[in-house]
N, C-alpha and C. Protein backbone atom coordinates (compact mmCIF):
# COMPACT_ATOMS: atom_id res chain seq x y z
N GLY A 1 -23.71 -37.42 -16.85
CA GLY A 1 -22.91 -36.25 -16.70
C GLY A 1 -21.76 -36.66 -16.26
N MET A 2 -20.81 -35.73 -16.03
CA MET A 2 -19.47 -35.83 -15.71
C MET A 2 -19.36 -36.28 -14.14
N LEU A 3 -18.48 -37.11 -13.75
CA LEU A 3 -18.27 -37.71 -12.51
C LEU A 3 -17.49 -36.96 -11.89
N SER A 4 -17.50 -36.88 -10.75
CA SER A 4 -16.49 -35.83 -9.52
C SER A 4 -15.18 -37.09 -9.98
N ALA A 5 -14.26 -36.14 -10.06
CA ALA A 5 -12.79 -36.75 -9.63
C ALA A 5 -12.51 -37.71 -8.09
N GLY A 6 -12.48 -38.51 -8.16
CA GLY A 6 -12.10 -39.64 -7.37
C GLY A 6 -12.96 -40.44 -7.08
N VAL A 7 -14.05 -40.79 -8.03
CA VAL A 7 -14.94 -41.52 -8.03
C VAL A 7 -14.63 -43.01 -8.27
N VAL A 8 -14.70 -44.36 -7.55
CA VAL A 8 -14.30 -45.31 -7.63
C VAL A 8 -15.53 -46.11 -7.82
N PHE A 9 -15.53 -47.06 -8.71
CA PHE A 9 -16.28 -48.38 -8.80
C PHE A 9 -15.98 -49.62 -8.54
N LEU A 10 -16.37 -50.12 -7.87
CA LEU A 10 -15.66 -51.78 -7.35
C LEU A 10 -17.10 -52.43 -7.21
N PRO A 11 -16.94 -53.56 -7.92
CA PRO A 11 -18.13 -54.06 -8.02
C PRO A 11 -18.35 -55.33 -6.61
N ALA A 12 -19.44 -55.74 -6.79
CA ALA A 12 -19.99 -56.47 -5.33
C ALA A 12 -21.21 -57.20 -5.39
N ASP A 13 -21.49 -58.13 -4.79
CA ASP A 13 -22.79 -58.70 -5.23
C ASP A 13 -23.54 -58.85 -3.70
N VAL A 14 -24.24 -57.58 -3.46
CA VAL A 14 -25.10 -57.58 -1.91
C VAL A 14 -25.70 -58.61 -1.54
N CYS A 15 -26.04 -59.23 -2.22
CA CYS A 15 -26.87 -60.48 -1.77
C CYS A 15 -25.71 -61.59 -1.20
N ASP A 16 -24.57 -61.37 -1.29
CA ASP A 16 -23.43 -62.01 -0.52
C ASP A 16 -22.92 -61.53 0.29
N HIS A 17 -22.89 -62.03 1.88
CA HIS A 17 -22.29 -61.44 2.85
C HIS A 17 -20.57 -61.39 2.91
N GLU A 18 -20.27 -62.28 2.03
CA GLU A 18 -18.44 -62.13 2.08
C GLU A 18 -18.35 -61.03 0.89
N SER A 19 -18.96 -61.08 0.03
CA SER A 19 -18.57 -60.01 -1.15
C SER A 19 -18.67 -58.46 -0.59
N VAL A 20 -19.75 -58.76 0.24
CA VAL A 20 -20.14 -57.04 0.95
C VAL A 20 -19.16 -56.82 1.98
N ASN A 21 -18.54 -57.70 2.80
CA ASN A 21 -17.46 -57.53 3.10
C ASN A 21 -16.41 -57.39 2.92
N GLY A 22 -15.61 -57.96 1.84
CA GLY A 22 -15.08 -57.26 0.97
C GLY A 22 -14.74 -55.97 0.30
N LEU A 23 -15.84 -55.49 0.00
CA LEU A 23 -16.38 -54.39 -0.95
C LEU A 23 -15.92 -53.02 0.43
N VAL A 24 -16.40 -53.56 1.81
CA VAL A 24 -16.32 -52.29 2.55
C VAL A 24 -15.05 -52.32 3.10
N ALA A 25 -14.24 -53.97 3.04
CA ALA A 25 -12.57 -53.61 3.46
C ALA A 25 -11.64 -52.87 2.68
N SER A 26 -12.43 -52.89 0.96
CA SER A 26 -11.74 -52.16 -0.23
C SER A 26 -11.31 -50.95 0.21
N ILE A 27 -13.04 -50.21 0.51
CA ILE A 27 -13.38 -48.88 0.88
C ILE A 27 -12.22 -48.29 1.75
N VAL A 28 -12.03 -49.21 3.06
CA VAL A 28 -11.53 -48.88 4.33
C VAL A 28 -10.20 -48.76 3.54
N GLU A 29 -9.67 -49.78 2.76
CA GLU A 29 -8.25 -49.95 2.40
C GLU A 29 -7.73 -48.20 2.00
N ARG A 30 -8.81 -48.49 1.02
CA ARG A 30 -8.08 -46.92 -0.16
C ARG A 30 -8.64 -45.77 0.33
N PHE A 31 -9.65 -45.87 1.28
CA PHE A 31 -9.95 -44.30 1.91
C PHE A 31 -9.99 -44.00 3.07
N GLY A 32 -9.31 -45.12 3.78
CA GLY A 32 -9.45 -44.84 5.40
C GLY A 32 -10.86 -44.56 6.31
N ARG A 33 -11.52 -44.64 5.79
CA ARG A 33 -13.17 -44.34 6.47
C ARG A 33 -13.84 -44.53 5.83
N LEU A 34 -15.35 -44.96 6.11
CA LEU A 34 -16.39 -44.62 5.56
C LEU A 34 -17.41 -44.21 6.48
N ASP A 35 -18.19 -42.97 5.89
CA ASP A 35 -19.12 -42.03 6.20
C ASP A 35 -20.62 -42.38 5.84
N VAL A 36 -20.72 -42.66 4.57
CA VAL A 36 -22.19 -42.98 3.97
C VAL A 36 -22.04 -44.11 3.45
N ALA A 37 -23.51 -44.73 3.33
CA ALA A 37 -23.51 -45.97 2.79
C ALA A 37 -25.20 -46.11 2.60
N VAL A 38 -25.32 -46.41 1.54
CA VAL A 38 -26.74 -46.00 0.47
C VAL A 38 -27.37 -47.65 0.20
N ASN A 39 -28.34 -47.91 0.29
CA ASN A 39 -28.48 -49.43 -0.03
C ASN A 39 -29.37 -49.02 -1.01
N ASN A 40 -28.90 -48.82 -2.16
CA ASN A 40 -30.04 -48.47 -3.73
C ASN A 40 -30.37 -49.77 -4.64
N ALA A 41 -29.38 -50.83 -4.10
CA ALA A 41 -29.76 -52.04 -4.68
C ALA A 41 -31.36 -52.84 -4.51
N GLY A 42 -31.96 -52.81 -5.82
CA GLY A 42 -33.47 -53.68 -5.76
C GLY A 42 -34.17 -53.39 -6.75
N GLY A 43 -35.49 -54.05 -6.66
CA GLY A 43 -36.26 -53.82 -7.85
C GLY A 43 -37.04 -55.33 -8.14
N SER A 44 -38.12 -55.44 -8.66
CA SER A 44 -38.82 -56.73 -8.92
C SER A 44 -39.41 -56.93 -10.57
N PRO A 45 -39.45 -57.75 -11.30
CA PRO A 45 -40.41 -57.88 -12.09
C PRO A 45 -41.79 -58.23 -11.93
N GLY A 46 -42.62 -57.76 -12.62
CA GLY A 46 -44.37 -58.14 -12.08
C GLY A 46 -44.29 -59.33 -12.22
N THR A 47 -44.93 -59.93 -11.55
CA THR A 47 -45.53 -61.27 -11.57
C THR A 47 -46.94 -61.83 -10.41
N GLU A 48 -47.34 -62.75 -10.54
CA GLU A 48 -48.66 -63.00 -9.61
C GLU A 48 -48.18 -63.79 -8.70
N ALA A 49 -48.90 -63.24 -7.33
CA ALA A 49 -48.30 -63.72 -5.87
C ALA A 49 -48.84 -65.48 -5.75
N ALA A 50 -49.79 -65.57 -6.61
CA ALA A 50 -50.52 -66.67 -6.58
C ALA A 50 -49.49 -67.99 -7.43
N THR A 51 -48.46 -67.71 -8.04
CA THR A 51 -47.91 -68.48 -9.17
C THR A 51 -46.26 -68.24 -9.26
N ALA A 52 -45.94 -67.44 -8.10
CA ALA A 52 -44.38 -67.06 -7.69
C ALA A 52 -43.82 -68.19 -7.27
N SER A 53 -42.57 -68.61 -8.09
CA SER A 53 -42.10 -69.25 -7.66
C SER A 53 -41.15 -69.49 -6.37
N PRO A 54 -40.95 -70.57 -5.35
CA PRO A 54 -40.26 -70.32 -4.18
C PRO A 54 -39.03 -69.61 -4.08
N ARG A 55 -38.27 -70.03 -5.44
CA ARG A 55 -36.89 -69.35 -5.99
C ARG A 55 -37.04 -67.87 -6.28
N PHE A 56 -38.24 -67.60 -6.99
CA PHE A 56 -37.90 -66.22 -7.14
C PHE A 56 -38.72 -65.55 -5.78
N SER A 57 -39.38 -65.77 -5.04
CA SER A 57 -39.67 -65.08 -3.76
C SER A 57 -38.25 -64.82 -2.54
N GLU A 58 -37.87 -65.88 -2.92
CA GLU A 58 -36.73 -65.63 -2.20
C GLU A 58 -35.28 -64.55 -2.84
N LYS A 59 -35.17 -64.70 -3.98
CA LYS A 59 -34.55 -63.49 -4.38
C LYS A 59 -34.71 -62.61 -4.78
N ILE A 60 -36.29 -62.12 -4.36
CA ILE A 60 -36.81 -60.65 -4.27
C ILE A 60 -36.11 -60.16 -2.97
N VAL A 61 -36.30 -61.25 -2.10
CA VAL A 61 -36.30 -60.65 -0.49
C VAL A 61 -34.78 -60.18 -0.18
N ALA A 62 -34.11 -61.41 -1.01
CA ALA A 62 -32.67 -61.26 -0.54
C ALA A 62 -31.95 -60.02 -1.49
N LEU A 63 -32.47 -59.59 -2.56
CA LEU A 63 -32.15 -58.22 -3.49
C LEU A 63 -32.96 -57.08 -2.68
N ASN A 64 -33.87 -57.19 -2.49
CA ASN A 64 -34.45 -55.90 -1.78
C ASN A 64 -34.60 -55.43 0.25
N LEU A 65 -34.42 -56.68 0.55
CA LEU A 65 -34.03 -56.54 2.05
C LEU A 65 -32.59 -57.11 2.44
N THR A 66 -32.45 -58.57 2.59
CA THR A 66 -31.71 -59.07 3.13
C THR A 66 -29.79 -58.19 2.82
N SER A 67 -29.76 -57.80 1.66
CA SER A 67 -28.80 -57.33 1.04
C SER A 67 -28.44 -55.90 1.79
N ALA A 68 -29.64 -55.22 2.18
CA ALA A 68 -29.59 -54.22 3.06
C ALA A 68 -28.93 -54.49 4.63
N VAL A 69 -29.35 -55.72 4.74
CA VAL A 69 -28.98 -56.15 6.39
C VAL A 69 -27.36 -56.27 6.06
N HIS A 70 -26.81 -56.76 5.01
CA HIS A 70 -25.63 -57.55 4.71
C HIS A 70 -24.75 -55.86 5.07
N VAL A 71 -25.26 -55.14 4.12
CA VAL A 71 -24.32 -53.94 3.63
C VAL A 71 -24.08 -52.90 4.84
N SER A 72 -25.51 -52.97 5.67
CA SER A 72 -25.71 -52.25 6.99
C SER A 72 -24.73 -52.66 8.04
N GLN A 73 -24.87 -53.72 8.34
CA GLN A 73 -23.61 -54.29 9.38
C GLN A 73 -22.60 -54.31 9.10
N ALA A 74 -22.06 -54.49 7.53
CA ALA A 74 -20.40 -54.07 7.28
C ALA A 74 -20.30 -52.86 7.40
N ALA A 75 -21.01 -51.70 7.25
CA ALA A 75 -20.80 -50.54 6.97
C ALA A 75 -20.94 -50.01 8.71
N ASN A 76 -21.47 -50.56 9.60
CA ASN A 76 -21.78 -49.89 10.96
C ASN A 76 -20.40 -50.28 11.48
N ALA A 77 -19.89 -51.63 11.56
CA ALA A 77 -18.72 -51.93 11.88
C ALA A 77 -17.75 -50.89 12.14
N VAL A 78 -17.55 -50.28 11.04
CA VAL A 78 -16.87 -49.11 10.51
C VAL A 78 -16.92 -47.93 11.08
N MET A 79 -18.27 -47.55 11.00
CA MET A 79 -18.83 -46.40 11.53
C MET A 79 -18.76 -46.39 12.91
N GLN A 80 -19.21 -47.34 13.62
CA GLN A 80 -19.02 -47.41 14.94
C GLN A 80 -17.75 -46.87 15.60
N ALA A 81 -16.71 -47.16 14.88
CA ALA A 81 -15.16 -47.11 15.60
C ALA A 81 -14.76 -45.62 15.31
N GLN A 82 -15.62 -44.71 14.31
CA GLN A 82 -15.47 -43.82 14.18
C GLN A 82 -15.40 -42.65 14.66
N ASP A 83 -14.90 -41.41 15.03
CA ASP A 83 -15.45 -40.37 15.65
C ASP A 83 -16.70 -39.74 16.07
N THR A 84 -16.68 -39.69 14.29
CA THR A 84 -17.64 -38.67 13.46
C THR A 84 -19.02 -39.70 12.96
N GLY A 85 -18.70 -41.24 13.70
CA GLY A 85 -19.80 -42.24 13.30
C GLY A 85 -20.49 -42.14 11.63
N GLY A 86 -21.17 -42.61 11.77
CA GLY A 86 -22.05 -42.18 9.86
C GLY A 86 -23.40 -42.46 10.10
N SER A 87 -23.61 -42.45 8.42
CA SER A 87 -25.05 -42.39 8.09
C SER A 87 -25.60 -43.57 7.32
N ILE A 88 -26.40 -44.39 7.48
CA ILE A 88 -26.91 -45.46 5.92
C ILE A 88 -28.41 -44.80 5.81
N VAL A 89 -28.38 -44.70 4.53
CA VAL A 89 -29.67 -44.46 3.77
C VAL A 89 -30.30 -45.51 3.00
N ASN A 90 -31.37 -46.00 3.65
CA ASN A 90 -32.29 -47.37 2.55
C ASN A 90 -32.80 -46.53 1.79
N ILE A 91 -32.81 -47.46 0.51
CA ILE A 91 -34.07 -46.76 -0.54
C ILE A 91 -35.41 -47.73 -0.63
N ALA A 92 -36.40 -47.51 -0.43
CA ALA A 92 -37.45 -48.42 -0.31
C ALA A 92 -38.69 -47.56 -1.26
N SER A 93 -39.87 -47.59 -1.17
CA SER A 93 -40.94 -47.75 -1.94
C SER A 93 -42.04 -47.33 -1.54
N LEU A 94 -43.21 -46.52 -2.08
CA LEU A 94 -44.47 -46.83 -1.84
C LEU A 94 -45.43 -47.77 -1.87
N SER A 95 -44.18 -48.81 -2.30
CA SER A 95 -44.88 -50.25 -2.41
C SER A 95 -44.72 -51.08 -1.17
N GLY A 96 -43.65 -50.33 -0.25
CA GLY A 96 -43.83 -50.67 1.30
C GLY A 96 -44.75 -50.33 1.84
N LEU A 97 -45.63 -49.20 1.50
CA LEU A 97 -46.70 -48.69 2.69
C LEU A 97 -48.01 -48.40 2.22
N ARG A 98 -47.99 -49.52 1.33
CA ARG A 98 -49.73 -49.49 0.44
C ARG A 98 -49.71 -50.95 -0.22
N PRO A 99 -50.77 -51.45 -0.53
CA PRO A 99 -51.00 -52.47 -1.70
C PRO A 99 -50.00 -52.74 -2.66
N SER A 100 -49.59 -53.92 -3.02
CA SER A 100 -48.18 -53.65 -4.35
C SER A 100 -48.78 -55.26 -4.90
N PRO A 101 -50.44 -54.86 -5.75
CA PRO A 101 -50.31 -55.87 -6.40
C PRO A 101 -49.57 -56.05 -7.71
N GLY A 102 -49.06 -57.41 -7.98
CA GLY A 102 -48.20 -57.76 -8.90
C GLY A 102 -46.79 -57.28 -8.56
N THR A 103 -46.53 -56.95 -7.68
CA THR A 103 -45.13 -56.98 -6.96
C THR A 103 -45.28 -57.10 -5.27
N ALA A 104 -46.11 -58.20 -5.13
CA ALA A 104 -46.46 -58.58 -3.60
C ALA A 104 -45.17 -58.59 -2.88
N VAL A 105 -44.53 -59.73 -3.42
CA VAL A 105 -43.19 -59.88 -2.44
C VAL A 105 -42.11 -58.92 -2.29
N TYR A 106 -42.33 -58.01 -3.28
CA TYR A 106 -41.20 -56.68 -3.36
C TYR A 106 -42.13 -55.93 -2.47
N GLY A 107 -43.28 -55.70 -2.32
CA GLY A 107 -43.73 -54.46 -1.33
C GLY A 107 -43.82 -55.30 -0.12
N ALA A 108 -43.53 -56.61 0.42
CA ALA A 108 -43.54 -57.03 1.68
C ALA A 108 -42.05 -56.59 1.79
N ALA A 109 -41.03 -56.61 1.13
CA ALA A 109 -39.96 -56.87 1.80
C ALA A 109 -38.99 -55.44 1.28
N LYS A 110 -39.88 -54.50 1.15
CA LYS A 110 -39.75 -52.81 1.56
C LYS A 110 -40.37 -52.70 2.71
N ALA A 111 -41.66 -53.23 2.88
CA ALA A 111 -42.29 -52.76 4.08
C ALA A 111 -41.30 -53.48 5.25
N GLY A 112 -40.70 -54.57 5.08
CA GLY A 112 -39.06 -55.16 6.04
C GLY A 112 -38.57 -54.07 5.96
N LEU A 113 -37.95 -53.44 5.40
CA LEU A 113 -36.53 -52.50 5.05
C LEU A 113 -37.21 -51.25 5.95
N ILE A 114 -38.35 -50.94 5.53
CA ILE A 114 -38.83 -49.65 6.28
C ILE A 114 -38.50 -49.90 7.64
N ASN A 115 -39.42 -50.94 8.25
CA ASN A 115 -39.03 -51.51 9.80
C ASN A 115 -37.59 -51.70 10.20
N LEU A 116 -36.88 -52.63 9.57
CA LEU A 116 -35.55 -52.14 9.69
C LEU A 116 -34.74 -50.96 10.06
N THR A 117 -35.32 -50.27 9.29
CA THR A 117 -34.18 -49.07 9.77
C THR A 117 -34.42 -48.46 10.83
N SER A 118 -36.12 -48.58 10.87
CA SER A 118 -36.45 -47.78 12.35
C SER A 118 -35.52 -48.81 13.87
N SER A 119 -35.32 -50.25 13.40
CA SER A 119 -34.83 -50.75 14.72
C SER A 119 -33.42 -50.44 14.56
N LEU A 120 -32.29 -50.14 13.43
CA LEU A 120 -31.15 -50.12 13.53
C LEU A 120 -30.74 -49.17 13.77
N ALA A 121 -31.91 -47.81 13.63
CA ALA A 121 -31.82 -46.46 13.91
C ALA A 121 -31.64 -46.20 15.42
N MET A 122 -32.39 -47.43 16.22
CA MET A 122 -32.18 -47.41 17.85
C MET A 122 -30.99 -47.82 18.44
N GLU A 123 -30.50 -49.42 17.68
CA GLU A 123 -29.83 -50.16 17.91
C GLU A 123 -28.28 -49.28 17.64
N TRP A 124 -28.27 -48.88 17.01
CA TRP A 124 -27.08 -48.46 16.00
C TRP A 124 -26.73 -46.87 16.76
N ALA A 125 -27.55 -46.37 17.22
CA ALA A 125 -27.39 -45.05 17.94
C ALA A 125 -26.37 -44.62 18.98
N PRO A 126 -25.91 -43.56 19.51
CA PRO A 126 -26.29 -42.63 18.65
C PRO A 126 -24.77 -42.35 17.78
N ARG A 127 -24.09 -43.29 17.51
CA ARG A 127 -22.70 -43.01 16.54
C ARG A 127 -23.52 -43.11 15.16
N VAL A 128 -24.25 -43.55 15.00
CA VAL A 128 -24.87 -44.02 13.24
C VAL A 128 -26.32 -43.54 13.24
N ARG A 129 -26.65 -43.06 12.07
CA ARG A 129 -27.77 -42.50 11.70
C ARG A 129 -28.65 -43.48 10.78
N VAL A 130 -29.86 -44.11 11.00
CA VAL A 130 -30.09 -44.98 9.78
C VAL A 130 -31.54 -44.27 9.02
N ASN A 131 -31.55 -43.90 8.30
CA ASN A 131 -33.06 -43.33 7.76
C ASN A 131 -33.17 -44.24 6.41
N VAL A 132 -34.44 -44.12 6.05
CA VAL A 132 -34.96 -44.63 4.87
C VAL A 132 -36.00 -43.56 3.97
N VAL A 133 -35.64 -43.82 2.59
CA VAL A 133 -36.32 -42.96 1.30
C VAL A 133 -37.33 -43.99 0.98
N SER A 134 -38.91 -43.61 1.15
CA SER A 134 -39.69 -44.09 0.35
C SER A 134 -40.21 -43.25 -0.96
N ALA A 135 -39.43 -43.89 -2.45
CA ALA A 135 -39.96 -43.03 -3.32
C ALA A 135 -41.22 -43.44 -4.17
N GLY A 136 -41.73 -43.01 -4.89
CA GLY A 136 -42.63 -43.25 -5.69
C GLY A 136 -42.01 -43.49 -7.11
N MET A 137 -43.09 -42.74 -7.86
CA MET A 137 -42.43 -43.37 -9.05
C MET A 137 -41.15 -42.53 -9.55
N VAL A 138 -40.16 -43.34 -10.01
CA VAL A 138 -39.29 -42.40 -10.73
C VAL A 138 -38.64 -43.02 -12.22
N ARG A 139 -38.77 -41.65 -12.98
CA ARG A 139 -38.22 -41.89 -14.62
C ARG A 139 -36.76 -42.53 -14.85
N THR A 140 -36.82 -43.56 -14.95
CA THR A 140 -35.70 -44.37 -15.02
C THR A 140 -35.76 -44.70 -16.55
N GLU A 141 -34.73 -45.92 -17.08
CA GLU A 141 -34.69 -46.06 -18.03
C GLU A 141 -35.67 -47.46 -18.45
N ALA A 142 -36.43 -47.83 -17.43
CA ALA A 142 -37.22 -48.95 -17.83
C ALA A 142 -38.78 -48.11 -17.34
N PHE A 143 -38.89 -46.81 -17.26
CA PHE A 143 -40.11 -46.50 -16.75
C PHE A 143 -41.32 -46.45 -18.14
N GLU A 144 -41.00 -46.13 -18.98
CA GLU A 144 -42.03 -45.91 -20.09
C GLU A 144 -41.86 -47.72 -20.92
N ASP A 145 -41.42 -48.46 -20.58
CA ASP A 145 -41.21 -49.95 -20.82
C ASP A 145 -42.47 -50.30 -19.91
N TYR A 146 -41.93 -50.48 -18.59
CA TYR A 146 -42.61 -50.46 -17.98
C TYR A 146 -44.38 -50.39 -17.80
N TYR A 147 -44.52 -49.19 -18.16
CA TYR A 147 -46.28 -48.75 -18.72
C TYR A 147 -46.63 -48.49 -19.76
N GLY A 148 -45.76 -49.35 -20.59
CA GLY A 148 -46.58 -49.54 -22.09
C GLY A 148 -46.01 -48.27 -22.97
N GLY A 149 -45.03 -47.60 -23.04
CA GLY A 149 -44.60 -46.53 -23.77
C GLY A 149 -45.03 -45.53 -23.21
N PRO A 150 -44.76 -44.12 -24.12
CA PRO A 150 -44.75 -42.68 -23.72
C PRO A 150 -46.31 -42.12 -23.30
N ASP A 151 -47.21 -42.91 -24.28
CA ASP A 151 -48.65 -42.70 -23.51
C ASP A 151 -49.13 -43.23 -22.09
N GLY A 152 -48.91 -44.51 -22.06
CA GLY A 152 -48.94 -45.17 -21.00
C GLY A 152 -48.19 -44.20 -19.13
N ALA A 153 -46.64 -44.20 -19.70
CA ALA A 153 -45.92 -42.92 -18.90
C ALA A 153 -46.64 -41.98 -18.54
N ALA A 154 -47.40 -41.13 -19.42
CA ALA A 154 -47.80 -39.61 -19.63
C ALA A 154 -49.28 -39.96 -18.52
N SER A 155 -50.07 -40.94 -18.72
CA SER A 155 -51.22 -40.87 -18.03
C SER A 155 -50.79 -41.27 -16.51
N VAL A 156 -49.72 -42.39 -16.49
CA VAL A 156 -49.16 -42.47 -15.23
C VAL A 156 -49.05 -41.22 -14.29
N ALA A 157 -48.01 -40.49 -14.74
CA ALA A 157 -47.59 -39.07 -14.27
C ALA A 157 -48.69 -38.09 -13.91
N ASP A 158 -49.52 -38.49 -14.95
CA ASP A 158 -50.88 -37.38 -14.39
C ASP A 158 -51.64 -37.55 -13.17
N THR A 159 -51.72 -38.78 -12.57
CA THR A 159 -51.71 -39.41 -11.42
C THR A 159 -51.17 -38.56 -10.12
N VAL A 160 -50.37 -38.33 -10.35
CA VAL A 160 -49.27 -37.45 -9.29
C VAL A 160 -49.47 -35.96 -9.08
N PRO A 161 -50.03 -35.78 -7.79
CA PRO A 161 -50.30 -34.38 -7.40
C PRO A 161 -49.75 -33.06 -7.92
N LEU A 162 -47.76 -33.51 -7.96
CA LEU A 162 -47.44 -32.59 -8.81
C LEU A 162 -47.13 -32.41 -9.97
N GLY A 163 -47.98 -33.41 -10.79
CA GLY A 163 -48.11 -33.40 -11.89
C GLY A 163 -46.96 -33.91 -13.11
N ARG A 164 -46.18 -34.79 -12.21
CA ARG A 164 -44.94 -35.66 -12.89
C ARG A 164 -44.06 -36.59 -12.03
N VAL A 165 -43.29 -37.91 -12.77
CA VAL A 165 -43.03 -38.82 -12.09
C VAL A 165 -41.69 -37.94 -11.35
N ALA A 166 -40.96 -38.84 -10.36
CA ALA A 166 -39.78 -38.51 -9.96
C ALA A 166 -38.33 -38.31 -10.79
N GLU A 167 -37.66 -37.59 -11.15
CA GLU A 167 -36.23 -37.83 -11.60
C GLU A 167 -35.63 -38.28 -10.46
N PRO A 168 -34.41 -39.15 -11.17
CA PRO A 168 -33.37 -39.73 -10.29
C PRO A 168 -33.29 -38.80 -8.97
N ALA A 169 -32.44 -37.72 -9.73
CA ALA A 169 -32.04 -36.70 -8.39
C ALA A 169 -33.04 -36.29 -7.51
N ASP A 170 -34.34 -36.72 -8.26
CA ASP A 170 -35.41 -35.89 -6.93
C ASP A 170 -34.91 -36.94 -6.24
N VAL A 171 -34.78 -38.14 -5.85
CA VAL A 171 -34.40 -39.02 -4.95
C VAL A 171 -32.97 -38.88 -4.42
N GLY A 172 -31.84 -38.71 -5.40
CA GLY A 172 -30.59 -38.66 -4.64
C GLY A 172 -30.74 -37.32 -4.07
N ASN A 173 -31.35 -35.98 -4.36
CA ASN A 173 -31.22 -35.08 -3.41
C ASN A 173 -31.62 -35.25 -1.97
N ALA A 174 -32.66 -36.19 -1.82
CA ALA A 174 -33.50 -36.38 -0.52
C ALA A 174 -31.71 -36.89 0.15
N VAL A 175 -31.44 -38.58 -0.54
CA VAL A 175 -30.91 -39.33 -0.01
C VAL A 175 -29.26 -38.38 0.82
N ALA A 176 -28.86 -37.14 -0.48
CA ALA A 176 -28.07 -36.36 0.00
C ALA A 176 -28.19 -35.78 1.16
N TRP A 177 -29.30 -35.10 1.22
CA TRP A 177 -29.97 -34.35 2.26
C TRP A 177 -29.72 -35.45 3.68
N LEU A 178 -30.38 -36.41 3.88
CA LEU A 178 -30.47 -37.41 5.05
C LEU A 178 -28.76 -37.77 5.41
N ALA A 179 -28.18 -37.73 4.44
CA ALA A 179 -26.73 -38.65 4.71
C ALA A 179 -25.90 -37.34 5.12
N SER A 180 -26.37 -35.66 4.80
CA SER A 180 -25.58 -34.92 5.49
C SER A 180 -25.45 -34.50 7.31
N ASP A 181 -24.77 -33.48 7.64
CA ASP A 181 -25.23 -33.10 8.70
C ASP A 181 -26.51 -32.15 8.79
N LEU A 182 -26.70 -31.42 7.61
CA LEU A 182 -27.99 -30.63 7.86
C LEU A 182 -29.09 -31.83 8.64
N ALA A 183 -28.56 -33.34 8.38
CA ALA A 183 -30.08 -34.11 9.21
C ALA A 183 -29.37 -34.48 10.41
N ALA A 184 -28.25 -34.00 11.08
CA ALA A 184 -27.61 -34.70 12.02
C ALA A 184 -28.50 -35.01 13.22
N PHE A 185 -29.88 -34.59 13.46
CA PHE A 185 -30.88 -34.88 14.56
C PHE A 185 -31.81 -35.75 13.80
N VAL A 186 -31.68 -36.27 12.44
CA VAL A 186 -32.76 -37.09 11.91
C VAL A 186 -32.09 -38.56 11.91
N SER A 187 -32.86 -39.42 12.47
CA SER A 187 -32.24 -40.95 12.60
C SER A 187 -33.63 -41.84 12.67
N GLY A 188 -34.21 -42.56 12.06
CA GLY A 188 -35.13 -43.37 11.70
C GLY A 188 -36.54 -42.80 11.15
N ALA A 189 -35.77 -41.77 10.41
CA ALA A 189 -37.01 -41.36 9.61
C ALA A 189 -37.48 -41.92 8.62
N ASN A 190 -38.46 -41.87 7.92
CA ASN A 190 -39.34 -42.46 6.39
C ASN A 190 -39.47 -41.28 6.24
N LEU A 191 -38.15 -41.03 4.77
CA LEU A 191 -38.72 -39.42 3.90
C LEU A 191 -39.62 -40.01 2.56
N VAL A 192 -40.45 -39.77 2.66
CA VAL A 192 -41.42 -40.20 1.52
C VAL A 192 -41.53 -39.00 0.10
N VAL A 193 -40.80 -39.45 -1.12
CA VAL A 193 -40.55 -38.51 -1.77
C VAL A 193 -41.22 -38.90 -3.07
N HIS A 194 -42.68 -38.64 -3.35
CA HIS A 194 -43.73 -38.98 -3.88
C HIS A 194 -44.59 -37.97 -4.62
N GLY A 195 -43.98 -37.12 -4.51
CA GLY A 195 -44.88 -35.63 -5.18
C GLY A 195 -46.24 -35.62 -5.23
N GLY A 196 -46.73 -35.70 -3.71
CA GLY A 196 -47.65 -35.52 -3.33
C GLY A 196 -48.52 -36.83 -3.25
N GLY A 197 -47.90 -37.89 -3.54
CA GLY A 197 -48.85 -39.13 -3.58
C GLY A 197 -49.59 -39.85 -4.67
N GLU A 198 -50.30 -40.44 -4.35
CA GLU A 198 -51.35 -40.80 -5.66
C GLU A 198 -52.73 -40.50 -5.50
N ARG A 199 -53.11 -40.09 -6.60
CA ARG A 199 -54.50 -39.09 -6.48
C ARG A 199 -55.61 -40.15 -6.26
N LEU A 200 -56.52 -39.88 -4.86
CA LEU A 200 -57.60 -40.90 -4.93
C LEU A 200 -58.72 -40.72 -5.85
N ALA A 201 -59.30 -42.01 -5.79
CA ALA A 201 -60.93 -41.80 -6.94
C ALA A 201 -61.94 -40.75 -6.24
N PHE A 202 -62.12 -40.66 -4.72
CA PHE A 202 -63.38 -40.40 -4.34
C PHE A 202 -62.79 -38.90 -4.64
N PHE A 203 -61.74 -38.45 -4.09
CA PHE A 203 -61.00 -37.02 -4.59
C PHE A 203 -61.11 -36.71 -6.03
N GLU A 204 -60.60 -37.38 -7.23
CA GLU A 204 -61.16 -37.01 -8.26
C GLU A 204 -62.18 -36.84 -8.74
N HIS A 205 -63.39 -37.46 -8.21
CA HIS A 205 -64.82 -37.92 -8.47
C HIS A 205 -65.27 -36.71 -8.09
N GLN A 206 -65.05 -36.14 -6.79
CA GLN A 206 -65.51 -34.52 -6.17
C GLN A 206 -64.72 -33.42 -7.15
N GLN A 207 -63.68 -33.66 -7.51
CA GLN A 207 -62.93 -32.34 -8.36
C GLN A 207 -63.91 -32.53 -9.62
N GLY A 208 -64.47 -33.65 -10.16
CA GLY A 208 -65.25 -33.35 -11.44
C GLY A 208 -64.46 -33.41 -12.63
């Protein structure tokens, strides 16, 4: 869709502390302030935990956890100096709340991100609010390929009580709410956006 006027893209490597500091400095130089930071970088290819290389595991943790530390630190430094403070929103996953076979290190990193959120919310209050969205399955560009095509994607969607997977905007709307003044008294929260969860086998059996 159309981008709003005034949208600016600035490239940065969120896994590199210096790059992140430069990014935030550029934002402050251009706009004079920073009100919201969303840690949305993340992901992982599937791999067996037994054979994952040390380099692979380190990169997954760097992308899904350490990057959020870098960005949050840089954002907080600016926000603490503002009368209006600021809001940080992290993007985690159901994988951080339940077993994540096939993406074990990713799940562990997201679990770490959820815990990090609660710690930062305490340390940086009252001026900066920090929350996390734990997303279920989202229909991204890679969604159908990941689940083996349209049929696989449809069968996966059928496991969600609301009958579909999330659209990107479903997660975006949750983030927008947490970032806004409507959530002024919400900090340290984990907002789970998963369409009711994942149907349990015993419940399916009972339903017949």
